Every structure is written in C-alpha cells, then in structure tokens.
Amino acid sequence: MELTFLRPASGLFLLSLMCAPTFAQTSAEAPPPDAAATELDQVLVTGEQPGPGLWKVSKDDHVLWILGTLAPLPKKMSWRSKDTEAVIADSQEVIGDSSAKISVGFFRGLTLVPALLRARKNPDGAKLKDVLSSEQYARWSALKAKYIGRDNGIESRRPMLAAQELYEKAVDRSGLSSKNAAWDVVKQAAKKNKIPVTSPKIDIKLDDPKATIKEFETTPVAADVACLETTMQRIETDMQSMQLRANAWASGDLNALRSLPYPDQKASCLAAVSSAPGLHDRVQQVQERLITEWMSAVQTALAKNRSTLAVVSIAELVKPDGRLARLRALGYTVEEPQ
C-alpha cells in the first residue's frame, strides 16, 4: 500500500495520510440549491490561456527554464503556451516538482485502517462544537452549510481535517480546480517530443507507522483549531482574491500575482501537525528533503543538458527565500519573465 503525500508548496505532510483515499470516508450530501447558486462577482477566465512566462536560470551555455504553477485555477480554462511547448521540444529533460511517499506493504497497511480512522476523529468522542468557541462554531456551521451541506460525520473530525474538506469544497464551488493543469500539459508535450521526464521523489521510512499515528493524535487542540480558524478566515475573505490570482496566472500577469496578498492557511495547518510531540523534527526534515531533492535534480540537469524545463509552484519562485534564491546563492544567473 503506497500513501502519497502532498507537495512541499501545499505543506500538509501528514494530512494526506489521514485522508488517504484508500480508506472509506463519509459522503456528504450536496448543499441546498440556494447555497449552490451562490457565486462570487469576479468572472473567471475561460478558454485557452497562455499562462505566465518562464524564469531563466543559466550557467555558461546551459539553461534551465522554470514554469511556475498555481493552484487553484479556473475549471473551464485550458492552458496552453506555445513558448513553453517550444522550450520543451528543444530541451533534453523535463523536471517536475518533488513529492514524497511512504510504502508500508499492502497487508501491513490494512492493519493500520482502524488506527487511521480513529486518528481522524477528535479525542474522547468530542464534536467540533465541543472544541471550537461558540463564535468559531457559528462561522463553521455557516461555511459548512454553504459549501459542504448536510454531513454529520464531519462534525466528529479533527479540526484540521474538517478544514481540508471545507477548503476543497469551497474551491470547487467557486469555479476553481486544484488540479495541476499546467503539469499535465507539460507532460503531454514531453511525451509528444520524446523528452524524458524526471519526477524527484523521496521515500519516507516509518519503522513503526502505528506509533507515528499515535503521535499525530497528540496534536494540541489549540494548534488543531488554529488550522481550521485560518482556513475559515481565508474562505471568508480571500475567495475573490483567489479567483483574481487564478486569472492573473492564466493571463500571464506576473505583476498582478505579486501585488495580490496570499494568505496561505496551509502554513498554519503544517504548524499544527508539527506541534505534535515527536513529529516536529520529522516534518521539517521531510520538507527540507523535498526541496533538496528538486534542487539536486535541476543542478544535475544544468550540468549535463543544454536546455531543461522544470516545474514548481509559483509561490516558491516569488518568495525571497525560495528556490530561485537558493540557485542564485549557488552562483547561477536568474532572469525573471519579461
């Protein structure tokens, strides 16, 4: 049984372990028609869009082109960039973002199911109304009614897991999709041109998976609630900006992307997971290994290839201490899209 974790830009390392699709989950009924009809004023772009320009990293006569991806993006948008496809056709390698996985074996994985299902719930049979303040629970109830609908099972979930469900449903109902559309197009173009694709991966070794799950269960309630609080705040205040960022990415407007605030609740949720005794160092190590694996792949490509295209979250590219900053520190020349 292989459990695949989220990429470093998403941050929620152990969250996907608890929500692995292998295990049964309570299905939710659709929200009532009046909630389903709620739309934001901002109109999402549709049709074929060029996306952002490419960052250029070079040393001597070797070039690494980097495409910054964004999620969520408009559902009805089909991304295609002739410039990017031309770069892929002229390259010797395509490199995806890094990811992590843990393999525990099929039969051993089956024995973890009860522990995983138990870890998804609040301790001592508590409901969300028992761990949230009255003000927080009122906001949760309103957002749940709007985006999730009737689902009594979610009331028993840990706040951070309820937060993930709420965020995914809010994104979906706002005309957006968390699917990495750009990477799918890049892979297709690489296949068409017979360009090899490298997908950096790290393997997570857990000597005692059940002990790790028990450690997760010790996440302090305050940290768990903080994850849901910041998620609710983002949904309440950032949905229109989320759509504006999606539009800016689709149309290649890098200045607009930089100017729009980016309140990422996932940092708070990662902090919640990291606050569990025994997990903090492990989570931090995995996050750093993911970045290091990608950095190693692109440095190897820069050394051997005349041209390479790499893909990574645009958030990693525009932040001051992101991967471009690391490449600059290593002596590479970095040029931003014009």
Protein backbone atom coordinates (compact mmCIF):
# COMPACT_ATOMS: atom_id res chain seq x y z
CA MET A 1 0.00 0.00 0.00
CA GLU A 2 1.57 3.26 -1.07
CA LEU A 3 0.46 6.51 0.53
CA THR A 4 1.48 9.62 -1.40
CA PHE A 5 1.97 12.89 0.42
CA LEU A 6 1.30 16.42 -0.75
CA ARG A 7 3.97 18.55 -2.43
CA PRO A 8 6.03 21.00 -0.37
CA ALA A 9 4.05 24.13 -1.57
CA SER A 10 0.84 22.56 -0.11
CA GLY A 11 2.58 21.79 3.22
CA LEU A 12 0.14 19.35 4.89
CA PHE A 13 2.53 16.46 5.31
CA LEU A 14 0.60 14.04 7.49
CA LEU A 15 -2.83 15.35 6.50
CA SER A 16 -2.94 13.31 3.31
CA LEU A 17 -2.01 10.22 5.35
CA MET A 18 -5.13 10.71 7.42
CA CYS A 19 -7.25 11.37 4.32
CA ALA A 20 -5.78 8.70 2.03
CA PRO A 21 -8.49 7.67 -0.48
CA THR A 22 -7.81 4.02 0.27
CA PHE A 23 -9.92 4.36 3.40
CA ALA A 24 -13.67 4.84 3.47
CA GLN A 25 -14.94 8.34 4.13
CA THR A 26 -18.39 9.68 4.92
CA SER A 27 -20.06 11.04 1.80
CA ALA A 28 -21.71 14.44 2.08
CA GLU A 29 -24.99 15.49 0.60
CA ALA A 30 -24.93 18.39 -1.83
CA PRO A 31 -25.69 21.84 -0.38
CA PRO A 32 -29.23 23.12 -0.87
CA PRO A 33 -29.98 24.91 -4.17
CA ASP A 34 -29.80 28.41 -2.72
CA ALA A 35 -26.29 27.77 -1.38
CA ALA A 36 -25.23 26.10 -4.61
CA ALA A 37 -26.33 29.15 -6.57
CA THR A 38 -24.05 31.47 -4.59
CA GLU A 39 -21.41 32.92 -6.91
CA LEU A 40 -18.68 35.47 -6.46
CA ASP A 41 -18.78 38.61 -8.56
CA GLN A 42 -15.38 38.05 -10.15
CA VAL A 43 -15.65 36.40 -13.58
CA LEU A 44 -13.12 33.63 -14.19
CA VAL A 45 -11.23 33.44 -17.44
CA THR A 46 -12.27 30.65 -19.80
CA GLY A 47 -10.86 29.14 -22.96
CA GLU A 48 -7.22 28.79 -23.92
CA GLN A 49 -4.80 30.96 -21.91
CA PRO A 50 -1.02 31.46 -22.21
CA GLY A 51 -0.09 31.30 -18.53
CA PRO A 52 3.00 33.02 -17.09
CA GLY A 53 6.35 33.48 -18.75
CA LEU A 54 9.34 31.33 -17.88
CA TRP A 55 12.12 32.07 -15.42
CA LYS A 56 15.58 31.54 -16.90
CA VAL A 57 18.41 30.05 -14.83
CA SER A 58 21.75 29.75 -16.58
CA LYS A 59 25.40 28.95 -16.14
CA ASP A 60 27.85 29.06 -19.05
CA ASP A 61 25.83 27.89 -22.06
CA HIS A 62 23.41 25.65 -20.11
CA VAL A 63 19.89 26.89 -19.41
CA LEU A 64 17.14 25.82 -17.02
CA TRP A 65 13.71 27.21 -17.83
CA ILE A 66 11.24 27.19 -14.92
CA LEU A 67 7.46 27.27 -15.22
CA GLY A 68 5.71 28.46 -12.07
CA THR A 69 2.41 26.67 -11.49
CA LEU A 70 -0.56 27.85 -9.47
CA ALA A 71 -3.48 26.13 -7.80
CA PRO A 72 -6.36 26.55 -7.79
CA LEU A 73 -7.06 27.61 -11.39
CA PRO A 74 -10.33 28.14 -13.30
CA LYS A 75 -12.07 24.84 -14.10
CA LYS A 76 -13.06 25.89 -17.62
CA MET A 77 -9.63 27.16 -18.59
CA SER A 78 -7.45 25.11 -20.94
CA TRP A 79 -3.85 26.19 -20.54
CA ARG A 80 -1.51 26.13 -23.49
CA SER A 81 1.68 28.07 -24.11
CA LYS A 82 3.38 27.77 -27.49
CA ASP A 83 6.54 29.28 -25.99
CA THR A 84 6.65 26.64 -23.27
CA GLU A 85 5.95 23.84 -25.72
CA ALA A 86 8.77 25.12 -27.95
CA VAL A 87 11.17 25.10 -24.98
CA ILE A 88 10.16 21.52 -24.15
CA ALA A 89 10.72 20.41 -27.74
CA ASP A 90 14.22 21.95 -27.65
CA SER A 91 15.13 20.51 -24.24
CA GLN A 92 16.83 17.32 -23.20
CA GLU A 93 14.83 16.83 -19.98
CA VAL A 94 11.69 17.93 -18.13
CA ILE A 95 11.70 18.02 -14.31
CA GLY A 96 8.54 18.01 -12.18
CA ASP A 97 8.15 19.21 -8.62
CA SER A 98 9.24 16.89 -5.85
CA SER A 99 6.91 14.62 -3.91
CA ALA A 100 7.10 12.16 -1.04
CA LYS A 101 5.67 8.73 -0.50
CA ILE A 102 5.54 6.06 2.14
CA SER A 103 5.17 2.37 1.37
CA VAL A 104 4.07 0.12 4.20
CA GLY A 105 3.07 -3.01 2.32
CA PHE A 106 -0.50 -3.97 1.45
CA PHE A 107 -1.27 -6.32 4.34
CA ARG A 108 0.50 -4.18 6.90
CA GLY A 109 -1.41 -1.20 5.53
CA LEU A 110 -4.70 -2.98 6.14
CA THR A 111 -3.82 -3.34 9.81
CA LEU A 112 -3.45 0.45 10.04
CA VAL A 113 -7.01 1.17 8.91
CA PRO A 114 -8.58 1.17 12.41
CA ALA A 115 -5.83 3.43 13.76
CA LEU A 116 -6.16 5.81 10.81
CA LEU A 117 -9.92 6.04 11.16
CA ARG A 118 -9.57 6.67 14.90
CA ALA A 119 -6.90 9.35 14.34
CA ARG A 120 -9.22 11.29 12.05
CA LYS A 121 -11.61 11.90 14.96
CA ASN A 122 -11.42 14.23 17.93
CA PRO A 123 -10.24 12.62 21.17
CA ASP A 124 -12.79 11.24 23.62
CA GLY A 125 -15.63 11.36 21.10
CA ALA A 126 -15.71 15.17 21.04
CA LYS A 127 -17.52 17.02 18.26
CA LEU A 128 -16.40 20.23 16.57
CA LYS A 129 -18.87 22.18 18.71
CA ASP A 130 -17.00 20.89 21.77
CA VAL A 131 -13.52 22.03 20.65
CA LEU A 132 -14.40 25.31 18.90
CA SER A 133 -15.50 28.52 20.56
CA SER A 134 -19.16 29.48 20.06
CA GLU A 135 -18.09 32.18 17.59
CA GLN A 136 -15.88 29.77 15.65
CA TYR A 137 -18.56 27.10 15.58
CA ALA A 138 -21.14 29.58 14.27
CA ARG A 139 -18.79 30.53 11.42
CA TRP A 140 -18.01 26.87 10.75
CA SER A 141 -21.70 26.00 10.62
CA ALA A 142 -22.40 28.78 8.12
CA LEU A 143 -19.50 27.81 5.86
CA LYS A 144 -20.35 24.13 6.13
CA ALA A 145 -23.96 24.81 5.09
CA LYS A 146 -22.77 26.90 2.15
CA TYR A 147 -20.04 24.66 0.77
CA ILE A 148 -20.48 21.15 2.19
CA GLY A 149 -24.13 20.65 3.05
CA ARG A 150 -25.51 18.08 5.47
CA ASP A 151 -22.75 15.80 6.65
CA ASN A 152 -22.99 14.75 10.28
CA GLY A 153 -19.84 12.65 10.04
CA ILE A 154 -17.58 15.64 9.55
CA GLU A 155 -18.63 17.01 12.95
CA SER A 156 -16.51 14.27 14.56
CA ARG A 157 -13.40 15.07 12.52
CA ARG A 158 -10.33 16.77 13.90
CA PRO A 159 -10.47 20.50 13.03
CA MET A 160 -7.55 20.30 10.59
CA LEU A 161 -9.27 17.51 8.64
CA ALA A 162 -12.56 19.41 8.62
CA ALA A 163 -10.55 22.39 7.35
CA GLN A 164 -9.20 20.43 4.40
CA GLU A 165 -12.67 19.22 3.43
CA LEU A 166 -14.11 22.74 3.72
CA TYR A 167 -11.32 24.28 1.65
CA GLU A 168 -11.63 21.71 -1.14
CA LYS A 169 -15.40 22.14 -1.36
CA ALA A 170 -15.15 25.96 -1.31
CA VAL A 171 -12.61 25.92 -4.13
CA ASP A 172 -14.75 23.56 -6.19
CA ARG A 173 -17.93 25.59 -5.72
CA SER A 174 -16.15 28.82 -6.69
CA GLY A 175 -15.42 27.62 -10.22
CA LEU A 176 -11.84 26.67 -9.42
CA SER A 177 -9.89 23.43 -9.55
CA SER A 178 -6.86 22.34 -7.51
CA LYS A 179 -5.71 20.08 -10.34
CA ASN A 180 -2.26 20.93 -11.68
CA ALA A 181 -3.40 21.61 -15.25
CA ALA A 182 -0.07 23.07 -16.32
CA TRP A 183 1.91 19.96 -15.32
CA ASP A 184 -0.48 17.74 -17.26
CA VAL A 185 0.12 19.82 -20.41
CA VAL A 186 3.88 19.80 -19.84
CA LYS A 187 3.93 16.00 -19.52
CA GLN A 188 1.91 15.62 -22.71
CA ALA A 189 4.26 17.91 -24.61
CA ALA A 190 7.27 15.99 -23.29
CA LYS A 191 5.72 12.69 -24.36
CA LYS A 192 4.92 14.08 -27.81
CA ASN A 193 8.53 15.17 -28.29
CA LYS A 194 10.01 12.07 -26.63
CA ILE A 195 11.66 14.15 -23.91
CA PRO A 196 12.46 12.24 -20.69
CA VAL A 197 10.59 13.35 -17.58
CA THR A 198 12.20 13.33 -14.14
CA SER A 199 9.90 13.35 -11.12
CA PRO A 200 12.01 13.80 -7.97
CA LYS A 201 10.71 11.65 -5.12
CA ILE A 202 11.73 10.85 -1.59
CA ASP A 203 10.79 7.73 0.34
CA ILE A 204 9.64 8.12 3.92
CA LYS A 205 10.66 5.24 6.16
CA LEU A 206 8.47 4.67 9.20
CA ASP A 207 9.77 1.96 11.47
CA ASP A 208 6.54 2.00 13.45
CA PRO A 209 3.58 3.51 11.50
CA LYS A 210 1.16 2.94 14.38
CA ALA A 211 3.43 4.91 16.72
CA THR A 212 3.50 7.76 14.19
CA ILE A 213 -0.30 7.79 14.04
CA LYS A 214 -0.45 7.88 17.82
CA GLU A 215 1.96 10.81 17.79
CA PHE A 216 -0.35 12.62 15.36
CA GLU A 217 -3.23 12.05 17.77
CA THR A 218 -1.34 14.06 20.39
CA THR A 219 -1.55 17.26 18.31
CA PRO A 220 -2.50 20.03 20.77
CA VAL A 221 -6.14 21.05 20.41
CA ALA A 222 -5.22 24.74 20.15
CA ALA A 223 -2.93 24.10 17.16
CA ASP A 224 -5.53 21.86 15.53
CA VAL A 225 -8.20 24.56 15.94
CA ALA A 226 -5.83 27.24 14.59
CA CYS A 227 -5.66 25.36 11.30
CA LEU A 228 -9.44 25.46 10.92
CA GLU A 229 -9.58 29.09 12.07
CA THR A 230 -7.13 30.29 9.41
CA THR A 231 -8.85 28.17 6.77
CA MET A 232 -12.22 29.70 7.60
CA GLN A 233 -10.70 33.17 7.57
CA ARG A 234 -9.23 32.61 4.14
CA ILE A 235 -12.51 31.33 2.72
CA GLU A 236 -14.40 34.23 4.27
CA THR A 237 -12.01 36.92 2.99
CA ASP A 238 -9.89 35.55 0.16
CA MET A 239 -12.14 33.74 -2.33
CA GLN A 240 -12.32 36.70 -4.71
CA SER A 241 -8.56 37.31 -4.50
CA MET A 242 -8.10 33.59 -5.13
CA GLN A 243 -10.01 33.99 -8.36
CA LEU A 244 -8.04 37.14 -9.25
CA ARG A 245 -4.77 35.25 -8.71
CA ALA A 246 -6.04 32.44 -10.92
CA ASN A 247 -6.93 34.95 -13.64
CA ALA A 248 -3.55 36.68 -13.30
CA TRP A 249 -1.69 33.38 -13.69
CA ALA A 250 -3.82 32.33 -16.66
CA SER A 251 -3.19 35.59 -18.49
CA GLY A 252 0.48 35.73 -17.59
CA ASP A 253 0.21 38.86 -15.43
CA LEU A 254 3.14 38.41 -13.05
CA ASN A 255 2.86 41.93 -11.62
CA ALA A 256 -0.75 41.27 -10.59
CA LEU A 257 0.30 37.98 -8.98
CA ARG A 258 2.90 39.78 -6.89
CA SER A 259 0.55 42.57 -5.88
CA LEU A 260 -2.24 40.32 -4.62
CA PRO A 261 -1.96 39.19 -0.98
CA TYR A 262 -1.51 35.46 -0.48
CA PRO A 263 -2.83 34.37 2.94
CA ASP A 264 -1.89 30.69 2.81
CA GLN A 265 -3.67 28.82 5.60
CA LYS A 266 -1.64 25.70 4.92
CA ALA A 267 1.33 27.10 6.82
CA SER A 268 -0.83 27.19 9.95
CA CYS A 269 -2.02 23.64 9.31
CA LEU A 270 1.54 22.40 8.82
CA ALA A 271 2.43 24.09 12.09
CA ALA A 272 -0.43 22.17 13.70
CA VAL A 273 0.96 18.84 12.51
CA SER A 274 4.48 19.88 13.51
CA SER A 275 3.30 20.76 17.01
CA ALA A 276 2.62 17.12 17.84
CA PRO A 277 5.35 15.81 20.15
CA GLY A 278 7.75 13.63 18.20
CA LEU A 279 6.66 14.90 14.77
CA HIS A 280 8.14 18.40 14.57
CA ASP A 281 11.66 17.42 13.53
CA ARG A 282 10.39 14.70 11.20
CA VAL A 283 8.04 17.06 9.36
CA GLN A 284 10.74 19.71 8.99
CA GLN A 285 13.21 17.14 7.67
CA VAL A 286 10.74 15.92 5.06
CA GLN A 287 10.03 19.47 3.90
CA GLU A 288 13.73 20.21 3.51
CA ARG A 289 14.38 16.90 1.77
CA LEU A 290 11.68 17.68 -0.78
CA ILE A 291 13.37 20.96 -1.67
CA THR A 292 16.83 19.42 -1.64
CA GLU A 293 15.73 16.63 -3.99
CA TRP A 294 14.38 19.14 -6.52
CA MET A 295 17.49 21.31 -6.21
CA SER A 296 19.70 18.29 -6.81
CA ALA A 297 17.71 17.29 -9.91
CA VAL A 298 17.90 20.74 -11.50
CA GLN A 299 21.60 21.16 -10.70
CA THR A 300 22.34 17.80 -12.31
CA ALA A 301 20.28 18.83 -15.34
CA LEU A 302 22.07 22.18 -15.61
CA ALA A 303 25.41 20.39 -15.61
CA LYS A 304 24.56 17.86 -18.33
CA ASN A 305 21.82 19.41 -20.50
CA ARG A 306 21.97 22.32 -22.88
CA SER A 307 18.32 23.07 -22.11
CA THR A 308 15.95 21.81 -19.39
CA LEU A 309 12.41 22.75 -18.37
CA ALA A 310 11.44 22.45 -14.70
CA VAL A 311 8.08 22.94 -12.99
CA VAL A 312 7.48 24.20 -9.45
CA SER A 313 4.87 26.18 -7.56
CA ILE A 314 4.99 29.87 -8.41
CA ALA A 315 4.81 30.64 -4.68
CA GLU A 316 8.25 29.04 -4.36
CA LEU A 317 9.59 31.30 -7.11
CA VAL A 318 8.38 34.68 -5.88
CA LYS A 319 9.21 34.37 -2.19
CA PRO A 320 12.53 35.91 -1.07
CA ASP A 321 13.97 32.70 0.39
CA GLY A 322 12.57 30.30 -2.22
CA ARG A 323 14.33 28.07 -4.71
CA LEU A 324 15.40 30.87 -7.03
CA ALA A 325 17.18 32.48 -4.10
CA ARG A 326 18.97 29.19 -3.44
CA LEU A 327 20.01 28.93 -7.08
CA ARG A 328 21.34 32.50 -7.03
CA ALA A 329 23.33 31.69 -3.89
CA LEU A 330 24.92 28.78 -5.76
CA GLY A 331 26.20 31.13 -8.46
CA TYR A 332 23.56 30.68 -11.17
CA THR A 333 22.24 33.63 -13.14
CA VAL A 334 18.49 34.06 -12.68
CA GLU A 335 16.32 36.14 -15.01
CA GLU A 336 12.63 36.80 -14.45
CA PRO A 337 9.98 36.66 -17.20
CA GLN A 338 9.51 39.91 -19.12
